Every structure is written in structure tokens, then in C-alpha cells.
PDB file of N, CA and C in Angstrom:
ATOM      1  N   UNK A   1       0.091  -8.502  14.271  1.00  0.00           N
ATOM      2  CA  UNK A   1       1.085  -9.362  13.540  1.00  0.00           C
ATOM      3  C   UNK A   1       0.839  -8.975  12.029  1.00  0.00           C
ATOM      4  N   UNK A   2      -0.252  -8.837  11.941  1.00  0.00           N
ATOM      5  CA  UNK A   2      -1.044  -8.866  10.358  1.00  0.00           C
ATOM      6  C   UNK A   2      -0.734  -6.741  10.068  1.00  0.00           C
ATOM      7  N   UNK A   3      -1.123  -6.257  11.178  1.00  0.00           N
ATOM      8  CA  UNK A   3      -1.083  -4.615  10.896  1.00  0.00           C
ATOM      9  C   UNK A   3       0.382  -4.256  10.684  1.00  0.00           C
ATOM     10  N   UNK A   4       1.225  -5.237  11.342  1.00  0.00           N
ATOM     11  CA  UNK A   4       3.108  -4.340  11.166  1.00  0.00           C
ATOM     12  C   UNK A   4       3.140  -5.164   9.638  1.00  0.00           C
ATOM     13  N   UNK A   5       2.878  -6.121   9.012  1.00  0.00           N
ATOM     14  CA  UNK A   5       3.134  -6.603   7.776  1.00  0.00           C
ATOM     15  C   UNK A   5       2.582  -5.417   6.285  1.00  0.00           C
ATOM     16  N   UNK A   6       0.729  -5.496   6.703  1.00  0.00           N
ATOM     17  CA  UNK A   6       0.650  -4.166   5.938  1.00  0.00           C
ATOM     18  C   UNK A   6       1.400  -3.124   5.885  1.00  0.00           C
ATOM     19  N   UNK A   7       1.487  -2.878   7.221  1.00  0.00           N
ATOM     20  CA  UNK A   7       2.604  -1.160   7.194  1.00  0.00           C
ATOM     21  C   UNK A   7       3.990  -1.583   6.451  1.00  0.00           C
ATOM     22  N   UNK A   8       4.585  -2.666   6.975  1.00  0.00           N
ATOM     23  CA  UNK A   8       5.617  -2.590   6.290  1.00  0.00           C
ATOM     24  C   UNK A   8       5.700  -3.189   4.341  1.00  0.00           C
ATOM     25  N   UNK A   9       4.531  -3.756   4.157  1.00  0.00           N
ATOM     26  CA  UNK A   9       4.550  -3.845   2.809  1.00  0.00           C
ATOM     27  C   UNK A   9       4.095  -2.301   2.167  1.00  0.00           C
ATOM     28  N   UNK A  10       3.391  -1.283   2.791  1.00  0.00           N
ATOM     29  CA  UNK A  10       2.859  -0.031   2.508  1.00  0.00           C
ATOM     30  C   UNK A  10       4.668   0.322   1.941  1.00  0.00           C
ATOM     31  N   UNK A  11       5.261   0.858   3.603  1.00  0.00           N
ATOM     32  CA  UNK A  11       6.767   1.123   3.002  1.00  0.00           C
ATOM     33  C   UNK A  11       7.734   0.715   2.125  1.00  0.00           C
ATOM     34  N   UNK A  12       7.953  -0.956   1.662  1.00  0.00           N
ATOM     35  CA  UNK A  12       8.062  -1.363   1.030  1.00  0.00           C
ATOM     36  C   UNK A  12       7.957  -0.870  -0.977  1.00  0.00           C
ATOM     37  N   UNK A  13       6.595  -0.828  -0.831  1.00  0.00           N
ATOM     38  CA  UNK A  13       6.014  -0.361  -1.568  1.00  0.00           C
ATOM     39  C   UNK A  13       5.900   0.907  -2.121  1.00  0.00           C
ATOM     40  N   UNK A  14       6.113   2.084  -1.582  1.00  0.00           N
ATOM     41  CA  UNK A  14       6.370   2.930  -1.205  1.00  0.00           C
ATOM     42  C   UNK A  14       7.827   3.813  -1.925  1.00  0.00           C
ATOM     43  N   UNK A  15       8.677   2.612  -1.196  1.00  0.00           N
ATOM     44  CA  UNK A  15       9.898   2.730  -1.809  1.00  0.00           C
ATOM     45  C   UNK A  15      10.665   2.654  -3.197  1.00  0.00           C
ATOM     46  N   UNK A  16      10.054   1.340  -3.699  1.00  0.00           N
ATOM     47  CA  UNK A  16      10.008   1.170  -4.580  1.00  0.00           C
ATOM     48  C   UNK A  16       9.518   1.702  -5.568  1.00  0.00           C
ATOM     49  N   UNK A  17       7.927   2.276  -5.800  1.00  0.00           N
ATOM     50  CA  UNK A  17       7.463   2.856  -6.227  1.00  0.00           C
ATOM     51  C   UNK A  17       7.995   4.345  -6.306  1.00  0.00           C
ATOM     52  N   UNK A  18       8.709   4.771  -5.882  1.00  0.00           N
ATOM     53  CA  UNK A  18       9.700   6.386  -5.529  1.00  0.00           C
ATOM     54  C   UNK A  18      11.067   5.601  -6.279  1.00  0.00           C
ATOM     55  N   UNK A  19      11.327   4.976  -6.550  1.00  0.00           N
ATOM     56  CA  UNK A  19      13.015   5.063  -6.609  1.00  0.00           C
ATOM     57  C   UNK A  19      12.712   3.908  -8.423  1.00  0.00           C
ATOM     58  N   UNK A  20      12.388   3.224  -8.433  1.00  0.00           N
ATOM     59  CA  UNK A  20      12.327   2.240  -9.499  1.00  0.00           C
ATOM     60  C   UNK A  20      11.162   2.680 -10.983  1.00  0.00           C
ATOM     61  N   UNK A  21       9.991   3.456 -10.041  1.00  0.00           N
ATOM     62  CA  UNK A  21       8.951   3.648 -11.116  1.00  0.00           C
ATOM     63  C   UNK A  21       8.630   5.049 -10.957  1.00  0.00           C
ATOM     64  N   UNK A  22       9.632   5.687 -10.207  1.00  0.00           N
ATOM     65  CA  UNK A  22       9.246   7.354 -10.416  1.00  0.00           C
ATOM     66  C   UNK A  22       8.285   7.989  -9.951  1.00  0.00           C
ATOM     67  N   UNK A  23       7.485   7.025  -9.133  1.00  0.00           N
ATOM     68  CA  UNK A  23       6.508   7.831  -9.329  1.00  0.00           C
ATOM     69  C   UNK A  23       6.447   8.565  -7.882  1.00  0.00           C
ATOM     70  N   UNK A  24       5.641  10.028  -7.986  1.00  0.00           N
ATOM     71  CA  UNK A  24       5.387  10.951  -6.926  1.00  0.00           C
ATOM     72  C   UNK A  24       7.570  11.555  -6.755  1.00  0.00           C
ATOM     73  N   UNK A  25       7.836  11.940  -7.789  1.00  0.00           N
ATOM     74  CA  UNK A  25       9.556  12.711  -8.229  1.00  0.00           C
ATOM     75  C   UNK A  25       9.385  13.506  -7.092  1.00  0.00           C
ATOM     76  N   UNK A  26       8.281  14.663  -7.662  1.00  0.00           N
ATOM     77  CA  UNK A  26       8.843  16.044  -7.189  1.00  0.00           C
ATOM     78  C   UNK A  26       8.233  16.091  -5.816  1.00  0.00           C
ATOM     79  N   UNK A  27       7.329  15.302  -4.959  1.00  0.00           N
ATOM     80  CA  UNK A  27       6.820  15.274  -3.832  1.00  0.00           C
ATOM     81  C   UNK A  27       7.938  14.807  -2.899  1.00  0.00           C
ATOM     82  N   UNK A  28       8.678  13.619  -3.236  1.00  0.00           N
ATOM     83  CA  UNK A  28       9.381  13.102  -2.551  1.00  0.00           C
ATOM     84  C   UNK A  28       9.231  11.381  -1.928  1.00  0.00           C
ATOM     85  N   UNK A  29      10.047  10.826  -1.317  1.00  0.00           N
ATOM     86  CA  UNK A  29      10.175   9.730  -0.640  1.00  0.00           C
ATOM     87  C   UNK A  29       8.982   9.839   0.257  1.00  0.00           C
ATOM     88  N   UNK A  30       9.215  10.918   0.862  1.00  0.00           N
ATOM     89  CA  UNK A  30       8.580  10.424   2.310  1.00  0.00           C
ATOM     90  C   UNK A  30       6.492  10.448   2.040  1.00  0.00           C
ATOM     91  N   UNK A  31       6.551  11.871   0.774  1.00  0.00           N
ATOM     92  CA  UNK A  31       4.938  11.143   0.454  1.00  0.00           C
ATOM     93  C   UNK A  31       4.851   9.873  -0.495  1.00  0.00           C
ATOM     94  N   UNK A  32       5.381   9.240  -0.613  1.00  0.00           N
ATOM     95  CA  UNK A  32       4.999   7.656  -1.848  1.00  0.00           C
ATOM     96  C   UNK A  32       5.573   6.945  -0.336  1.00  0.00           C
ATOM     97  N   UNK A  33       6.151   6.889   0.342  1.00  0.00           N
ATOM     98  CA  UNK A  33       5.765   6.057   1.852  1.00  0.00           C
ATOM     99  C   UNK A  33       4.807   5.966   2.258  1.00  0.00           C
ATOM    100  N   UNK A  34       4.569   7.191   3.215  1.00  0.00           N
ATOM    101  CA  UNK A  34       2.792   7.863   3.475  1.00  0.00           C
ATOM    102  C   UNK A  34       1.664   7.128   2.564  1.00  0.00           C
ATOM    103  N   UNK A  35       1.738   7.650   1.154  1.00  0.00           N
ATOM    104  CA  UNK A  35       0.730   6.664   0.395  1.00  0.00           C
ATOM    105  C   UNK A  35       0.928   5.617   0.471  1.00  0.00           C
ATOM    106  N   UNK A  36       1.886   4.913   0.512  1.00  0.00           N
ATOM    107  CA  UNK A  36       1.747   3.084   0.530  1.00  0.00           C
ATOM    108  C   UNK A  36       2.091   2.711   2.285  1.00  0.00           C
ATOM    109  N   UNK A  37       1.627   3.552   3.190  1.00  0.00           N
ATOM    110  CA  UNK A  37       1.456   3.161   4.003  1.00  0.00           C
ATOM    111  C   UNK A  37      -0.404   2.894   3.901  1.00  0.00           C
ATOM    112  N   UNK A  38      -0.363   3.760   3.921  1.00  0.00           N
ATOM    113  CA  UNK A  38      -2.406   4.300   3.667  1.00  0.00           C
ATOM    114  C   UNK A  38      -2.901   3.081   2.585  1.00  0.00           C
ATOM    115  N   UNK A  39      -2.530   2.728   2.014  1.00  0.00           N
ATOM    116  CA  UNK A  39      -2.363   1.925   0.625  1.00  0.00           C
ATOM    117  C   UNK A  39      -2.501   0.745   2.018  1.00  0.00           C
ATOM    118  N   UNK A  40      -1.052   0.661   2.171  1.00  0.00           N
ATOM    119  CA  UNK A  40      -1.443  -1.184   2.687  1.00  0.00           C
ATOM    120  C   UNK A  40      -2.050  -1.305   3.979  1.00  0.00           C
ATOM    121  N   UNK A  41      -2.629  -0.127   4.489  1.00  0.00           N
ATOM    122  CA  UNK A  41      -3.110  -0.202   5.618  1.00  0.00           C
ATOM    123  C   UNK A  41      -5.087  -0.436   5.328  1.00  0.00           C
ATOM    124  N   UNK A  42      -5.301   0.020   4.515  1.00  0.00           N
ATOM    125  CA  UNK A  42      -7.274  -0.137   3.615  1.00  0.00           C
ATOM    126  C   UNK A  42      -6.679  -1.267   2.764  1.00  0.00           C
ATOM    127  N   UNK A  43      -6.111  -1.699   2.445  1.00  0.00           N
ATOM    128  CA  UNK A  43      -5.873  -3.097   1.516  1.00  0.00           C
ATOM    129  C   UNK A  43      -6.134  -4.251   2.607  1.00  0.00           C
ATOM    130  N   UNK A  44      -5.264  -3.933   3.685  1.00  0.00           N
ATOM    131  CA  UNK A  44      -4.925  -5.034   4.777  1.00  0.00           C
ATOM    132  C   UNK A  44      -6.487  -5.229   5.341  1.00  0.00           C
ATOM    133  N   UNK A  45      -6.915  -4.064   5.566  1.00  0.00           N
ATOM    134  CA  UNK A  45      -7.705  -3.821   6.623  1.00  0.00           C
ATOM    135  C   UNK A  45      -9.694  -3.957   6.313  1.00  0.00           C
ATOM    136  N   UNK A  46      -9.306  -3.605   4.893  1.00  0.00           N
ATOM    137  CA  UNK A  46     -10.566  -3.203   3.987  1.00  0.00           C
ATOM    138  C   UNK A  46     -10.536  -4.443   2.932  1.00  0.00           C
ATOM    139  N   UNK A  47      -9.797  -4.258   2.292  1.00  0.00           N
ATOM    140  CA  UNK A  47     -10.057  -5.289   0.934  1.00  0.00           C
ATOM    141  C   UNK A  47      -9.863  -6.471   1.248  1.00  0.00           C
ATOM    142  N   UNK A  48      -8.877  -7.198   2.015  1.00  0.00           N
ATOM    143  CA  UNK A  48      -8.972  -8.811   2.601  1.00  0.00           C
ATOM    144  C   UNK A  48      -9.818  -9.153   2.824  1.00  0.00           C
ATOM    145  N   UNK A  49     -11.047  -8.404   4.205  1.00  0.00           N
ATOM    146  CA  UNK A  49     -12.185  -8.863   4.837  1.00  0.00           C
ATOM    147  C   UNK A  49     -13.110  -9.231   3.470  1.00  0.00           C
ATOM    148  N   UNK A  50     -12.995  -8.230   2.823  1.00  0.00           N
ATOM    149  CA  UNK A  50     -14.572  -7.974   1.693  1.00  0.00           C
ATOM    150  C   UNK A  50     -14.103  -9.736   0.401  1.00  0.00           C
ATOM    151  N   UNK A  51     -12.524  -9.991   0.558  1.00  0.00           N
ATOM    152  CA  UNK A  51     -11.943 -11.246  -0.224  1.00  0.00           C
ATOM    153  C   UNK A  51     -11.976 -12.503   0.578  1.00  0.00           C
ATOM    154  N   UNK A  52     -12.976 -12.343   1.595  1.00  0.00           N
ATOM    155  CA  UNK A  52     -13.085 -13.437   2.943  1.00  0.00           C
ATOM    156  C   UNK A  52     -11.955 -14.614   2.976  1.00  0.00           C
ATOM    157  N   UNK A  53     -10.626 -13.173   3.297  1.00  0.00           N
ATOM    158  CA  UNK A  53      -9.439 -13.415   3.563  1.00  0.00           C
ATOM    159  C   UNK A  53      -9.460 -13.631   5.346  1.00  0.00           C
ATOM    160  N   UNK A  54      -9.981 -14.597   6.161  1.00  0.00           N
ATOM    161  CA  UNK A  54     -10.401 -14.609   7.116  1.00  0.00           C
ATOM    162  C   UNK A  54      -9.247 -15.976   7.840  1.00  0.00           C
ATOM    163  N   UNK A  55      -8.372 -15.385   8.954  1.00  0.00           N
ATOM    164  CA  UNK A  55      -7.447 -16.579   9.400  1.00  0.00           C
ATOM    165  C   UNK A  55      -8.508 -17.188  10.812  1.00  0.00           C
ATOM    166  N   UNK A  56      -8.084 -18.468  11.028  1.00  0.00           N
ATOM    167  CA  UNK A  56      -8.420 -19.107  12.197  1.00  0.00           C
ATOM    168  C   UNK A  56      -8.147 -18.311  13.399  1.00  0.00           C
ATOM    169  N   UNK A  57      -6.723 -17.925  13.319  1.00  0.00           N
ATOM    170  CA  UNK A  57      -5.583 -17.436  14.513  1.00  0.00           C
ATOM    171  C   UNK A  57      -5.607 -16.038  13.941  1.00  0.00           C
ATOM    172  N   UNK A  58      -6.240 -15.210  14.765  1.00  0.00           N
ATOM    173  CA  UNK A  58      -5.658 -13.628  14.704  1.00  0.00           C
ATOM    174  C   UNK A  58      -4.063 -13.525  14.605  1.00  0.00           C
ATOM    175  N   UNK A  59      -3.690 -13.867  15.419  1.00  0.00           N
ATOM    176  CA  UNK A  59      -2.180 -13.673  15.185  1.00  0.00           C
ATOM    177  C   UNK A  59      -1.335 -14.425  14.079  1.00  0.00           C
ATOM    178  N   UNK A  60      -2.119 -15.606  13.023  1.00  0.00           N
ATOM    179  CA  UNK A  60      -1.520 -15.916  12.011  1.00  0.00           C
ATOM    180  C   UNK A  60      -1.798 -14.511  11.188  1.00  0.00           C
ATOM    181  N   UNK A  61      -0.099 -15.153  10.259  1.00  0.00           N
ATOM    182  CA  UNK A  61       0.144 -13.694   9.178  1.00  0.00           C
ATOM    183  C   UNK A  61      -0.864 -14.631   7.899  1.00  0.00           C
ATOM    184  N   UNK A  62      -1.502 -13.506   7.586  1.00  0.00           N
ATOM    185  CA  UNK A  62      -2.274 -13.831   6.353  1.00  0.00           C
ATOM    186  C   UNK A  62      -2.038 -13.752   4.804  1.00  0.00           C
ATOM    187  N   UNK A  63      -1.660 -14.238   3.912  1.00  0.00           N
ATOM    188  CA  UNK A  63      -1.085 -14.150   2.634  1.00  0.00           C
ATOM    189  C   UNK A  63      -1.692 -13.148   1.870  1.00  0.00           C
ATOM    190  N   UNK A  64      -2.616 -13.576   1.764  1.00  0.00           N
ATOM    191  CA  UNK A  64      -3.964 -13.103   1.049  1.00  0.00           C
ATOM    192  C   UNK A  64      -4.067 -11.596   1.732  1.00  0.00           C
ATOM    193  N   UNK A  65      -4.303 -11.020   2.687  1.00  0.00           N
ATOM    194  CA  UNK A  65      -4.276 -10.046   3.346  1.00  0.00           C
ATOM    195  C   UNK A  65      -3.077  -9.424   3.217  1.00  0.00           C
ATOM    196  N   UNK A  66      -2.113  -9.908   3.065  1.00  0.00           N
ATOM    197  CA  UNK A  66      -0.531  -8.779   2.619  1.00  0.00           C
ATOM    198  C   UNK A  66      -0.473  -8.862   1.043  1.00  0.00           C
ATOM    199  N   UNK A  67      -0.864  -9.757   0.388  1.00  0.00           N
ATOM    200  CA  UNK A  67      -1.040  -9.669  -1.061  1.00  0.00           C
ATOM    201  C   UNK A  67      -2.150  -8.521  -1.182  1.00  0.00           C
ATOM    202  N   UNK A  68      -3.089  -8.317  -1.034  1.00  0.00           N
ATOM    203  CA  UNK A  68      -4.121  -7.312  -0.934  1.00  0.00           C
ATOM    204  C   UNK A  68      -3.434  -5.292  -0.484  1.00  0.00           C
ATOM    205  N   UNK A  69      -2.727  -5.576   0.323  1.00  0.00           N
ATOM    206  CA  UNK A  69      -1.717  -4.506   0.834  1.00  0.00           C
ATOM    207  C   UNK A  69      -1.267  -4.520   0.191  1.00  0.00           C
ATOM    208  N   UNK A  70      -0.600  -4.968  -0.336  1.00  0.00           N
ATOM    209  CA  UNK A  70       0.587  -4.721  -1.800  1.00  0.00           C
ATOM    210  C   UNK A  70      -0.211  -4.053  -2.514  1.00  0.00           C
ATOM    211  N   UNK A  71      -1.500  -5.056  -3.087  1.00  0.00           N
ATOM    212  CA  UNK A  71      -1.339  -4.054  -4.227  1.00  0.00           C
ATOM    213  C   UNK A  71      -2.662  -2.793  -4.092  1.00  0.00           C
ATOM    214  N   UNK A  72      -3.428  -2.685  -2.706  1.00  0.00           N
ATOM    215  CA  UNK A  72      -4.039  -1.741  -2.701  1.00  0.00           C
ATOM    216  C   UNK A  72      -2.899  -0.813  -2.512  1.00  0.00           C
ATOM    217  N   UNK A  73      -1.489  -0.513  -2.243  1.00  0.00           N
ATOM    218  CA  UNK A  73      -0.745   0.317  -1.657  1.00  0.00           C
ATOM    219  C   UNK A  73      -0.001   1.234  -3.631  1.00  0.00           C
ATOM    220  N   UNK A  74       0.238  -0.281  -4.077  1.00  0.00           N
ATOM    221  CA  UNK A  74       0.791   0.201  -5.273  1.00  0.00           C
ATOM    222  C   UNK A  74      -0.414   0.910  -6.216  1.00  0.00           C
ATOM    223  N   UNK A  75      -1.631   0.900  -6.026  1.00  0.00           N
ATOM    224  CA  UNK A  75      -3.227   1.143  -6.693  1.00  0.00           C
ATOM    225  C   UNK A  75      -2.840   2.560  -6.333  1.00  0.00           C
ATOM    226  N   UNK A  76      -2.746   2.843  -4.652  1.00  0.00           N
ATOM    227  CA  UNK A  76      -2.690   4.101  -3.720  1.00  0.00           C
ATOM    228  C   UNK A  76      -1.645   5.215  -4.779  1.00  0.00           C
ATOM    229  N   UNK A  77      -0.456   4.545  -5.071  1.00  0.00           N
ATOM    230  CA  UNK A  77       0.308   5.433  -5.673  1.00  0.00           C
ATOM    231  C   UNK A  77       0.396   5.679  -6.988  1.00  0.00           C
ATOM    232  N   UNK A  78      -0.443   4.826  -7.757  1.00  0.00           N
ATOM    233  CA  UNK A  78      -0.376   4.840  -8.794  1.00  0.00           C
ATOM    234  C   UNK A  78      -1.528   6.128  -9.671  1.00  0.00           C
ATOM    235  N   UNK A  79      -2.518   5.955  -8.708  1.00  0.00           N
ATOM    236  CA  UNK A  79      -3.638   6.826  -8.957  1.00  0.00           C
ATOM    237  C   UNK A  79      -2.686   8.501  -7.964  1.00  0.00           C
ATOM    238  N   UNK A  80      -2.227   8.530  -7.279  1.00  0.00           N
ATOM    239  CA  UNK A  80      -1.788   9.707  -6.543  1.00  0.00           C
ATOM    240  C   UNK A  80      -0.525  10.191  -7.889  1.00  0.00           C
ATOM    241  N   UNK A  81      -0.410   9.325  -8.311  1.00  0.00           N
ATOM    242  CA  UNK A  81       0.830  10.092  -9.522  1.00  0.00           C
ATOM    243  C   UNK A  81       0.187  10.462 -10.458  1.00  0.00           C
ATOM    244  N   UNK A  82      -0.679  10.012 -10.665  1.00  0.00           N
ATOM    245  CA  UNK A  82      -2.018  10.451 -12.624  1.00  0.00           C
ATOM    246  C   UNK A  82      -2.597  11.965 -11.427  1.00  0.00           C
ATOM    247  N   UNK A  83      -3.141  11.647 -10.686  1.00  0.00           N
ATOM    248  CA  UNK A  83      -3.961  12.535 -10.463  1.00  0.00           C
ATOM    249  C   UNK A  83      -2.583  14.273 -10.173  1.00  0.00           C
ATOM    250  N   UNK A  84      -1.594  13.594  -9.670  1.00  0.00           N
ATOM    251  CA  UNK A  84      -0.055  14.675  -9.354  1.00  0.00           C
ATOM    252  C   UNK A  84      -0.702  15.365 -11.432  1.00  0.00           C
ATOM    253  N   UNK A  85      -0.020  14.791 -11.902  1.00  0.00           N
ATOM    254  CA  UNK A  85       0.434  14.780 -13.292  1.00  0.00           C
ATOM    255  C   UNK A  85      -0.578  15.298 -13.827  1.00  0.00           C
ATOM    256  N   UNK A  86      -2.701  15.114 -13.879  1.00  0.00           N
ATOM    257  CA  UNK A  86      -3.342  15.260 -14.509  1.00  0.00           C
ATOM    258  C   UNK A  86      -3.096  16.972 -13.865  1.00  0.00           C
ATOM    259  N   UNK A  87      -3.601  17.239 -12.314  1.00  0.00           N
ATOM    260  CA  UNK A  87      -3.582  18.516 -12.379  1.00  0.00           C
ATOM    261  C   UNK A  87      -2.872  18.790 -10.762  1.00  0.00           C
ATOM    262  N   UNK A  88      -1.775  18.418 -10.882  1.00  0.00           N
ATOM    263  CA  UNK A  88      -0.723  19.086 -10.268  1.00  0.00           C
ATOM    264  C   UNK A  88      -0.735  19.232  -8.661  1.00  0.00           C
ATOM    265  N   UNK A  89      -1.552  18.457  -8.335  1.00  0.00           N
ATOM    266  CA  UNK A  89      -2.416  18.189  -6.581  1.00  0.00           C
ATOM    267  C   UNK A  89      -1.184  17.519  -5.989  1.00  0.00           C
TER     268      UNK A  89
END
């Protein structure tokens, strides 16, 4: 359940970043969503355990892990946009 929530968080952040914050306009919506999903998975799987957000049951939705997924997705989109603007990659 948590992995699905992390992926959905990445999709939402990627879409919002593309539409409202104008991240990755030159590369397109699909790239923003892929970067958002990657950030969500990294944030939920790696960052959340570092913050000691371990739930008792594996099936339970962990809100700290979901927040970490949102934050990592936004950070990934911001960094990707900054790299594109600076280096054109």
C-alpha cells in the first residue's frame, strides 16, 4: 500500500510541478511525472526509514513516509529543472 501511495504522490507532484510551477516545460509532462515518481520512491523507501518512520504493520499507511515521498519528489523536480536551466541537459 505504501509503494502505491509513494508512486501516486510522485505523479501528483510531477503534474503540479509541470502545470503550476512550470518545471521541465521544455522536456514535457511525461518527464516531470517520471522524475516525480522516482523522487517519491526514493523518498518513501530511503528517506523515510532514515527518519525512523517505521510502522508496526507493513500494510498500514505511513504518513511520514508519504510526506517524505512528496518532499523528495519536489526536490527532484526542482533539481532537475535547475540542471536543465543551467546546463541544458
